[in-house]
N, C-alpha and C. Protein backbone atom coordinates (compact mmCIF):
# COMPACT_ATOMS: atom_id res chain seq x y z
N MET A 1 17.51 -27.23 -16.17
CA MET A 1 17.23 -27.13 -17.43
C MET A 1 18.12 -26.35 -18.18
N THR A 2 18.19 -26.57 -19.41
CA THR A 2 18.98 -25.64 -20.38
C THR A 2 18.80 -24.32 -20.07
N GLU A 3 19.83 -23.47 -19.84
CA GLU A 3 19.53 -22.16 -19.59
C GLU A 3 19.56 -21.31 -20.78
N SER A 4 20.00 -21.88 -21.89
CA SER A 4 20.11 -21.21 -23.38
C SER A 4 18.76 -20.65 -23.73
N THR A 5 18.74 -19.48 -24.31
CA THR A 5 17.54 -19.09 -24.86
C THR A 5 17.22 -19.90 -26.26
N ASN A 6 18.08 -20.53 -26.77
CA ASN A 6 17.88 -21.39 -27.94
C ASN A 6 18.41 -22.68 -27.87
N PRO A 7 17.87 -23.55 -27.10
CA PRO A 7 18.22 -24.81 -26.81
C PRO A 7 18.53 -25.65 -28.05
N PRO A 8 19.33 -26.69 -28.00
CA PRO A 8 19.69 -27.42 -29.18
C PRO A 8 18.64 -28.45 -29.56
N ALA A 9 18.43 -28.74 -30.79
CA ALA A 9 17.52 -29.94 -31.18
C ALA A 9 17.99 -31.37 -30.52
N ALA A 10 17.15 -32.10 -29.93
CA ALA A 10 17.55 -33.33 -29.39
C ALA A 10 17.96 -34.28 -30.80
N PRO A 11 19.09 -34.82 -30.51
CA PRO A 11 19.36 -35.92 -31.66
C PRO A 11 18.25 -36.97 -31.71
N ASP A 12 18.22 -37.65 -32.95
CA ASP A 12 17.32 -38.92 -33.11
C ASP A 12 17.78 -40.00 -32.18
N TRP A 13 16.98 -40.84 -31.70
CA TRP A 13 17.31 -42.13 -31.06
C TRP A 13 17.66 -43.10 -32.32
N ILE A 14 18.60 -44.08 -32.03
CA ILE A 14 19.06 -44.99 -32.70
C ILE A 14 18.92 -46.27 -32.16
N VAL A 15 17.73 -46.96 -32.40
CA VAL A 15 17.24 -48.01 -31.58
C VAL A 15 17.08 -49.26 -32.32
N SER A 16 17.46 -50.43 -32.01
CA SER A 16 17.54 -51.76 -32.80
C SER A 16 16.20 -52.62 -32.46
N ARG A 17 15.64 -52.26 -31.34
CA ARG A 17 14.48 -52.87 -31.03
C ARG A 17 13.54 -52.21 -30.16
N TRP A 18 12.23 -52.36 -30.14
CA TRP A 18 11.41 -51.77 -29.13
C TRP A 18 10.51 -52.70 -28.30
N PHE A 19 10.37 -52.27 -27.18
CA PHE A 19 9.35 -53.25 -26.38
C PHE A 19 8.16 -52.22 -25.87
N ASN A 20 7.07 -52.82 -25.75
CA ASN A 20 5.88 -52.16 -25.20
C ASN A 20 5.56 -50.92 -26.06
N ALA A 21 5.77 -51.07 -27.48
CA ALA A 21 5.38 -50.00 -28.35
C ALA A 21 4.74 -50.67 -29.63
N ASP A 22 3.72 -49.92 -29.99
CA ASP A 22 3.29 -50.16 -31.30
C ASP A 22 4.02 -49.44 -32.40
N GLY A 23 4.90 -50.00 -33.12
CA GLY A 23 5.59 -49.17 -34.13
C GLY A 23 6.78 -48.64 -33.31
N ALA A 24 7.49 -47.66 -33.83
CA ALA A 24 8.88 -47.20 -33.18
C ALA A 24 8.71 -45.72 -32.90
N PRO A 25 8.51 -45.44 -31.52
CA PRO A 25 8.47 -44.00 -31.35
C PRO A 25 9.64 -43.14 -31.75
N SER A 26 9.55 -42.07 -31.98
CA SER A 26 10.62 -41.14 -32.58
C SER A 26 10.43 -39.78 -32.11
N LEU A 27 11.46 -39.02 -31.93
CA LEU A 27 11.16 -37.67 -31.60
C LEU A 27 10.26 -36.97 -32.49
N GLN A 28 10.29 -37.26 -33.80
CA GLN A 28 9.35 -36.56 -34.64
C GLN A 28 7.95 -37.16 -34.55
N SER A 29 7.73 -38.28 -34.24
CA SER A 29 6.22 -38.71 -33.84
C SER A 29 5.78 -38.36 -32.59
N LEU A 30 6.76 -37.82 -31.84
CA LEU A 30 6.23 -37.29 -30.40
C LEU A 30 6.32 -35.74 -30.35
N ARG A 31 6.60 -35.19 -31.53
CA ARG A 31 6.58 -33.70 -31.53
C ARG A 31 5.20 -33.14 -31.01
N GLY A 32 5.30 -32.24 -30.25
CA GLY A 32 4.05 -31.53 -29.57
C GLY A 32 3.81 -32.03 -28.21
N ARG A 33 4.53 -33.13 -27.74
CA ARG A 33 4.50 -33.81 -26.50
C ARG A 33 5.86 -33.38 -25.91
N VAL A 34 5.71 -33.25 -24.42
CA VAL A 34 7.11 -33.23 -23.77
C VAL A 34 7.45 -34.72 -23.50
N VAL A 35 8.87 -35.09 -23.71
CA VAL A 35 9.39 -36.34 -23.66
C VAL A 35 10.27 -36.42 -22.35
N PHE A 36 10.08 -37.44 -21.58
CA PHE A 36 11.02 -37.85 -20.53
C PHE A 36 11.63 -39.09 -21.00
N LEU A 37 13.02 -39.10 -21.13
CA LEU A 37 13.62 -40.49 -21.55
C LEU A 37 14.68 -40.63 -20.45
N HIS A 38 14.58 -41.88 -20.11
CA HIS A 38 15.67 -42.32 -19.06
C HIS A 38 16.55 -43.43 -19.72
N ALA A 39 17.80 -43.33 -19.92
CA ALA A 39 18.87 -44.33 -20.21
C ALA A 39 19.27 -45.12 -19.12
N PHE A 40 19.10 -46.34 -19.28
CA PHE A 40 19.44 -47.31 -18.10
C PHE A 40 20.26 -48.50 -18.53
N GLN A 41 20.60 -49.37 -17.62
CA GLN A 41 21.20 -50.66 -17.80
C GLN A 41 20.57 -51.48 -16.76
N MET A 42 19.93 -52.59 -17.00
CA MET A 42 19.22 -53.50 -16.15
C MET A 42 20.16 -54.03 -15.02
N LEU A 43 21.43 -54.03 -15.13
CA LEU A 43 22.38 -54.51 -14.12
C LEU A 43 23.15 -53.31 -13.35
N CYS A 44 22.78 -52.09 -13.75
CA CYS A 44 23.35 -50.98 -13.26
C CYS A 44 22.67 -50.72 -11.86
N PRO A 45 23.32 -50.86 -10.71
CA PRO A 45 22.79 -50.49 -9.38
C PRO A 45 21.89 -49.11 -9.37
N ALA A 46 22.64 -47.98 -9.76
CA ALA A 46 21.74 -46.99 -9.42
C ALA A 46 20.67 -46.83 -10.37
N CYS A 47 20.57 -47.41 -11.46
CA CYS A 47 19.52 -47.55 -12.54
C CYS A 47 18.34 -48.36 -11.87
N VAL A 48 18.57 -49.64 -11.29
CA VAL A 48 17.75 -50.62 -10.67
C VAL A 48 17.22 -49.82 -9.44
N GLN A 49 17.94 -49.26 -8.71
CA GLN A 49 17.58 -48.73 -7.22
C GLN A 49 16.87 -47.37 -7.27
N HIS A 50 17.20 -46.55 -8.20
CA HIS A 50 16.79 -45.17 -8.30
C HIS A 50 16.01 -44.73 -9.61
N ALA A 51 16.81 -44.90 -10.76
CA ALA A 51 16.26 -44.32 -11.96
C ALA A 51 15.06 -45.04 -12.50
N VAL A 52 15.07 -46.39 -12.53
CA VAL A 52 13.85 -47.05 -12.94
C VAL A 52 12.66 -46.97 -12.08
N PRO A 53 12.74 -47.02 -10.70
CA PRO A 53 11.64 -46.66 -9.99
C PRO A 53 11.18 -45.23 -10.16
N GLN A 54 11.93 -44.11 -10.30
CA GLN A 54 11.69 -42.73 -10.58
C GLN A 54 11.04 -42.65 -11.83
N SER A 55 11.42 -43.39 -12.96
CA SER A 55 10.66 -43.35 -14.20
C SER A 55 9.34 -44.04 -14.04
N LEU A 56 9.12 -44.91 -13.29
CA LEU A 56 7.74 -45.47 -12.92
C LEU A 56 6.80 -44.51 -12.26
N LYS A 57 7.41 -43.77 -11.21
CA LYS A 57 6.70 -42.70 -10.60
C LYS A 57 6.39 -41.53 -11.58
N VAL A 58 7.26 -41.30 -12.35
CA VAL A 58 7.10 -40.14 -13.31
C VAL A 58 5.79 -40.50 -14.20
N ALA A 59 5.86 -41.77 -14.68
CA ALA A 59 5.01 -42.32 -15.62
C ALA A 59 3.56 -42.38 -14.86
N ALA A 60 3.38 -42.75 -13.62
CA ALA A 60 2.08 -42.67 -12.79
C ALA A 60 1.76 -41.31 -12.63
N ALA A 61 2.59 -40.39 -12.14
CA ALA A 61 2.29 -39.11 -11.67
C ALA A 61 1.76 -38.21 -12.83
N PHE A 62 2.31 -38.29 -14.08
CA PHE A 62 2.13 -37.67 -15.27
C PHE A 62 1.05 -38.44 -16.21
N ALA A 63 0.33 -39.46 -15.89
CA ALA A 63 -0.24 -40.19 -16.84
C ALA A 63 -1.56 -39.51 -17.43
N SER A 64 -1.93 -38.55 -16.71
CA SER A 64 -3.15 -37.81 -17.36
C SER A 64 -2.52 -36.62 -18.17
N THR A 65 -1.44 -36.58 -18.54
CA THR A 65 -0.85 -35.49 -19.27
C THR A 65 -0.38 -35.83 -20.57
N ASP A 66 0.26 -35.03 -21.35
CA ASP A 66 0.82 -35.48 -22.63
C ASP A 66 2.24 -35.75 -22.56
N LEU A 67 2.73 -36.07 -21.31
CA LEU A 67 4.22 -36.45 -21.16
C LEU A 67 4.19 -37.82 -21.68
N ALA A 68 5.41 -37.85 -22.62
CA ALA A 68 5.71 -39.36 -23.14
C ALA A 68 6.95 -39.80 -22.27
N VAL A 69 6.75 -40.98 -21.61
CA VAL A 69 7.84 -41.60 -20.94
C VAL A 69 8.44 -42.72 -21.78
N ILE A 70 9.63 -42.67 -21.81
CA ILE A 70 10.53 -43.64 -22.82
C ILE A 70 11.70 -44.07 -22.03
N GLY A 71 11.98 -45.39 -22.10
CA GLY A 71 13.21 -45.99 -21.51
C GLY A 71 14.06 -46.29 -22.77
N LEU A 72 15.28 -46.18 -22.49
CA LEU A 72 16.50 -46.49 -23.52
C LEU A 72 17.43 -47.41 -22.89
N HIS A 73 17.34 -48.76 -23.20
CA HIS A 73 18.46 -49.75 -22.54
C HIS A 73 19.64 -49.49 -23.35
N THR A 74 20.74 -48.78 -22.68
CA THR A 74 21.95 -48.64 -23.56
C THR A 74 22.93 -49.11 -22.76
N VAL A 75 23.34 -50.35 -23.28
CA VAL A 75 24.51 -51.23 -22.80
C VAL A 75 25.78 -50.97 -23.39
N PHE A 76 26.67 -50.67 -22.32
CA PHE A 76 28.16 -50.43 -22.92
C PHE A 76 28.93 -51.36 -22.25
N GLU A 77 28.55 -52.33 -21.34
CA GLU A 77 29.32 -53.25 -20.61
C GLU A 77 28.51 -54.44 -20.41
N HIS A 78 29.16 -55.73 -20.32
CA HIS A 78 28.49 -57.05 -19.88
C HIS A 78 27.26 -57.30 -20.79
N HIS A 79 27.64 -57.00 -22.16
CA HIS A 79 26.68 -57.28 -23.39
C HIS A 79 26.06 -58.70 -23.34
N HIS A 80 26.89 -59.66 -23.00
CA HIS A 80 26.45 -60.97 -23.03
C HIS A 80 25.21 -61.09 -21.86
N ALA A 81 25.24 -60.50 -20.83
CA ALA A 81 24.21 -60.57 -19.82
C ALA A 81 23.03 -59.79 -20.09
N MET A 82 23.19 -58.79 -20.96
CA MET A 82 21.93 -57.83 -20.85
C MET A 82 21.44 -57.75 -22.37
N GLY A 83 21.17 -58.94 -23.01
CA GLY A 83 20.59 -58.98 -24.36
C GLY A 83 18.95 -58.61 -24.27
N PRO A 84 18.35 -58.78 -25.56
CA PRO A 84 16.96 -58.40 -25.54
C PRO A 84 16.15 -59.52 -24.75
N GLU A 85 16.52 -60.59 -24.78
CA GLU A 85 15.77 -61.60 -24.18
C GLU A 85 15.68 -61.26 -22.67
N ALA A 86 16.80 -61.07 -22.09
CA ALA A 86 16.97 -60.61 -20.59
C ALA A 86 16.17 -59.61 -20.36
N LEU A 87 16.21 -58.48 -21.14
CA LEU A 87 15.61 -57.18 -20.93
C LEU A 87 14.15 -57.39 -21.02
N GLN A 88 13.58 -58.23 -21.99
CA GLN A 88 12.14 -58.49 -21.90
C GLN A 88 11.70 -59.06 -20.59
N VAL A 89 12.46 -60.01 -19.94
CA VAL A 89 11.98 -60.35 -18.67
C VAL A 89 12.21 -59.40 -17.71
N TYR A 90 13.13 -58.69 -17.66
CA TYR A 90 13.24 -57.50 -16.61
C TYR A 90 12.02 -56.59 -16.76
N LEU A 91 11.75 -56.12 -17.95
CA LEU A 91 10.49 -55.21 -18.13
C LEU A 91 9.30 -55.98 -17.64
N HIS A 92 8.98 -57.22 -17.76
CA HIS A 92 7.84 -58.02 -17.37
C HIS A 92 7.91 -57.89 -15.83
N GLU A 93 8.83 -58.45 -15.35
CA GLU A 93 9.05 -58.57 -13.70
C GLU A 93 9.10 -57.25 -13.04
N ASN A 94 9.33 -56.20 -13.66
CA ASN A 94 9.42 -54.92 -13.13
C ASN A 94 8.09 -53.91 -13.32
N ARG A 95 7.32 -54.66 -14.27
CA ARG A 95 5.80 -54.06 -14.66
C ARG A 95 6.21 -52.67 -15.22
N ILE A 96 7.23 -52.71 -16.23
CA ILE A 96 7.46 -51.51 -16.93
C ILE A 96 6.67 -51.58 -18.19
N THR A 97 5.84 -50.60 -18.43
CA THR A 97 4.63 -50.88 -19.68
C THR A 97 4.89 -49.66 -20.62
N TYR A 98 5.58 -48.74 -20.38
CA TYR A 98 6.10 -47.65 -21.18
C TYR A 98 7.05 -48.20 -22.39
N PRO A 99 7.10 -47.41 -23.33
CA PRO A 99 8.03 -48.01 -24.51
C PRO A 99 9.52 -47.95 -24.07
N VAL A 100 10.22 -49.07 -24.36
CA VAL A 100 11.66 -49.14 -24.00
C VAL A 100 12.45 -49.59 -25.20
N GLY A 101 13.36 -48.81 -25.59
CA GLY A 101 14.16 -49.07 -26.95
C GLY A 101 15.53 -49.72 -26.52
N VAL A 102 16.07 -50.72 -27.41
CA VAL A 102 17.39 -51.11 -27.13
C VAL A 102 18.47 -50.07 -28.01
N ASP A 103 19.15 -49.39 -27.24
CA ASP A 103 20.23 -48.65 -27.95
C ASP A 103 21.00 -49.26 -28.93
N ALA A 104 21.23 -48.96 -30.32
CA ALA A 104 21.76 -49.91 -31.25
C ALA A 104 23.32 -49.63 -31.10
N HIS A 105 23.88 -50.67 -31.63
CA HIS A 105 25.43 -50.77 -31.89
C HIS A 105 25.65 -50.78 -33.27
N ARG A 106 26.91 -50.48 -33.88
CA ARG A 106 27.36 -50.61 -35.11
C ARG A 106 27.65 -52.12 -35.23
N ASP A 107 26.91 -52.95 -35.89
CA ASP A 107 27.15 -54.37 -36.01
C ASP A 107 28.12 -54.52 -37.12
N ASN A 108 28.85 -55.72 -37.19
CA ASN A 108 29.72 -56.19 -38.16
C ASN A 108 31.01 -54.99 -38.50
N ASP A 109 31.34 -54.52 -37.43
CA ASP A 109 32.38 -53.50 -37.53
C ASP A 109 33.40 -53.86 -36.56
N PRO A 110 34.52 -54.60 -36.92
CA PRO A 110 35.45 -55.13 -36.04
C PRO A 110 36.27 -53.96 -35.06
N GLY A 111 36.14 -52.83 -35.57
CA GLY A 111 36.81 -51.81 -34.72
C GLY A 111 35.70 -50.90 -33.96
N ARG A 112 34.49 -51.46 -33.96
CA ARG A 112 33.43 -50.59 -33.43
C ARG A 112 33.49 -49.88 -32.20
N HIS A 113 32.88 -48.81 -32.07
CA HIS A 113 33.04 -47.96 -30.90
C HIS A 113 32.36 -48.78 -29.82
N PRO A 114 32.67 -48.78 -28.62
CA PRO A 114 32.12 -49.76 -27.63
C PRO A 114 30.81 -49.07 -27.01
N LEU A 115 30.55 -47.70 -27.34
CA LEU A 115 29.31 -47.31 -26.85
C LEU A 115 28.11 -47.42 -27.85
N PRO A 116 26.99 -47.51 -27.45
CA PRO A 116 25.89 -47.50 -28.48
C PRO A 116 25.66 -46.11 -29.06
N LEU A 117 24.86 -46.23 -30.06
CA LEU A 117 24.84 -45.01 -31.04
C LEU A 117 24.19 -43.94 -30.33
N THR A 118 22.93 -44.05 -29.57
CA THR A 118 22.21 -42.94 -29.20
C THR A 118 23.25 -42.43 -27.89
N MET A 119 23.64 -43.37 -27.20
CA MET A 119 24.65 -42.89 -26.13
C MET A 119 25.71 -41.90 -26.70
N GLN A 120 26.19 -42.20 -27.65
CA GLN A 120 27.31 -41.39 -28.51
C GLN A 120 26.74 -40.09 -28.92
N ALA A 121 25.41 -40.27 -29.43
CA ALA A 121 24.89 -39.00 -30.22
C ALA A 121 24.59 -37.86 -29.01
N TYR A 122 24.27 -38.46 -27.83
CA TYR A 122 24.00 -37.58 -26.86
C TYR A 122 25.30 -37.13 -25.97
N ALA A 123 26.36 -37.75 -26.25
CA ALA A 123 27.52 -37.66 -25.40
C ALA A 123 27.36 -38.15 -23.92
N MET A 124 26.53 -39.19 -23.66
CA MET A 124 26.17 -39.56 -22.31
C MET A 124 27.51 -40.11 -21.66
N GLN A 125 27.55 -39.71 -20.43
CA GLN A 125 28.76 -40.20 -19.59
C GLN A 125 28.45 -41.40 -18.98
N GLY A 126 27.33 -42.16 -19.09
CA GLY A 126 26.95 -43.41 -18.37
C GLY A 126 25.53 -43.38 -18.20
N THR A 127 25.25 -44.50 -17.17
CA THR A 127 23.91 -44.62 -16.91
C THR A 127 23.75 -44.60 -15.32
N PRO A 128 22.77 -44.13 -14.86
CA PRO A 128 21.50 -43.61 -15.50
C PRO A 128 21.85 -42.29 -16.03
N THR A 129 20.97 -41.80 -17.14
CA THR A 129 21.08 -40.50 -17.71
C THR A 129 19.54 -40.16 -18.00
N LEU A 130 19.20 -39.04 -17.69
CA LEU A 130 17.81 -38.70 -18.01
C LEU A 130 17.72 -37.56 -18.91
N LEU A 131 16.95 -37.43 -19.78
CA LEU A 131 16.69 -36.40 -20.83
C LEU A 131 15.25 -35.82 -20.83
N LEU A 132 15.16 -34.46 -20.91
CA LEU A 132 13.90 -33.77 -21.04
C LEU A 132 13.90 -33.15 -22.39
N VAL A 133 12.83 -33.44 -23.12
CA VAL A 133 12.75 -32.75 -24.48
C VAL A 133 11.53 -32.09 -24.60
N ASP A 134 11.56 -30.81 -24.97
CA ASP A 134 10.26 -30.01 -25.08
C ASP A 134 9.54 -30.50 -26.10
N ARG A 135 8.22 -29.82 -26.28
CA ARG A 135 7.35 -29.84 -27.33
C ARG A 135 7.88 -29.66 -28.65
N LEU A 136 8.86 -28.88 -28.86
CA LEU A 136 9.30 -28.58 -29.99
C LEU A 136 10.63 -29.26 -30.40
N GLY A 137 10.90 -30.43 -29.63
CA GLY A 137 11.84 -31.21 -29.92
C GLY A 137 13.41 -30.91 -29.52
N ARG A 138 13.32 -29.87 -28.54
CA ARG A 138 14.76 -29.22 -28.22
C ARG A 138 15.12 -29.94 -26.95
N LEU A 139 16.35 -30.36 -26.59
CA LEU A 139 16.96 -30.88 -25.47
C LEU A 139 17.03 -29.91 -24.39
N ARG A 140 16.17 -29.97 -23.43
CA ARG A 140 16.17 -29.01 -22.30
C ARG A 140 16.88 -29.42 -21.09
N ARG A 141 17.09 -30.59 -20.94
CA ARG A 141 17.86 -31.32 -19.69
C ARG A 141 18.47 -32.53 -20.00
N GLN A 142 19.73 -32.67 -19.69
CA GLN A 142 20.29 -33.86 -19.80
C GLN A 142 21.16 -34.08 -18.41
N ARG A 143 20.75 -35.20 -17.75
CA ARG A 143 21.46 -35.42 -16.42
C ARG A 143 22.08 -36.69 -16.35
N PHE A 144 23.23 -36.87 -15.94
CA PHE A 144 23.91 -38.00 -15.56
C PHE A 144 23.96 -38.18 -14.14
N GLY A 145 23.29 -39.36 -13.79
CA GLY A 145 23.22 -39.66 -12.36
C GLY A 145 21.76 -39.40 -12.13
N LEU A 146 21.51 -38.96 -10.83
CA LEU A 146 20.19 -38.87 -10.20
C LEU A 146 19.87 -37.55 -10.06
N LEU A 147 18.59 -37.25 -10.12
CA LEU A 147 17.98 -35.91 -9.98
C LEU A 147 16.75 -36.03 -9.21
N ASP A 148 16.74 -35.15 -8.09
CA ASP A 148 15.72 -35.03 -7.01
C ASP A 148 14.34 -35.46 -7.73
N ASP A 149 13.43 -36.14 -7.01
CA ASP A 149 12.11 -36.23 -7.51
C ASP A 149 11.31 -34.92 -7.62
N LEU A 150 11.40 -34.04 -6.58
CA LEU A 150 10.67 -32.81 -6.66
C LEU A 150 11.21 -31.99 -7.84
N ARG A 151 12.48 -31.84 -7.94
CA ARG A 151 13.02 -31.03 -9.03
C ARG A 151 12.64 -31.51 -10.30
N LEU A 152 12.88 -32.83 -10.52
CA LEU A 152 12.25 -33.36 -11.71
C LEU A 152 10.91 -33.18 -12.11
N GLY A 153 10.07 -33.35 -11.06
CA GLY A 153 8.61 -32.99 -11.21
C GLY A 153 8.54 -31.63 -11.68
N ALA A 154 9.04 -30.61 -11.07
CA ALA A 154 8.75 -29.34 -11.17
C ALA A 154 9.36 -28.96 -12.72
N GLU A 155 10.49 -29.58 -13.18
CA GLU A 155 10.87 -29.23 -14.47
C GLU A 155 9.99 -29.81 -15.42
N ILE A 156 9.34 -30.90 -15.32
CA ILE A 156 8.39 -31.60 -16.27
C ILE A 156 7.19 -30.61 -16.33
N ALA A 157 6.70 -30.29 -15.07
CA ALA A 157 5.52 -29.45 -15.03
C ALA A 157 5.77 -28.09 -15.69
N THR A 158 6.93 -27.54 -15.82
CA THR A 158 7.34 -26.27 -16.47
C THR A 158 7.11 -26.43 -17.83
N LEU A 159 7.82 -27.80 -18.29
CA LEU A 159 7.86 -28.04 -19.76
C LEU A 159 6.45 -28.25 -20.28
N LEU A 160 5.49 -28.98 -19.48
CA LEU A 160 4.22 -29.15 -19.92
C LEU A 160 3.30 -27.89 -20.01
N SER A 161 3.73 -26.92 -19.20
CA SER A 161 2.95 -25.63 -19.25
C SER A 161 3.40 -24.67 -20.42
N GLU A 162 4.45 -25.03 -21.11
CA GLU A 162 4.89 -24.23 -22.14
C GLU A 162 4.08 -24.56 -23.38
N PRO A 163 3.71 -23.50 -24.22
CA PRO A 163 3.04 -23.82 -25.45
C PRO A 163 3.95 -24.53 -26.44
N ALA A 164 3.09 -25.22 -27.33
CA ALA A 164 3.99 -25.91 -28.43
C ALA A 164 4.44 -24.95 -29.49
């Protein structure tokens, strides 16, 4: 987790579409809750084999707490194969019921940056990336790649034990 005594505020998410959500979850609307966000691509091997199953385990293990589990489909390659329709099927087939947003791109910009906007805002290195945001909206952990289940569980439990 962030060792700083004054962790930075987590940037807002820039999402073009939500699945499994009534309305659009935002960091502001989730203030007071701990947020576990995992950025993934449905064709990323590490995401499919490790990160998505881990997020499902986190959602199940912390279902009775005020942890918000959020997915962010952040596509930076193979755009034609990973559109919203394919994502909807992927979420259904994998029984993913927590909210999943589609990371937005700058449309109609011929020189657009190849990375989605939330990915840019967090300076993510790729997928999978996990983020932990505390009850005050501060970014407490950002991890590219995999994090051990026990360590992740301990970090989430620590954040859940902190006062708002």
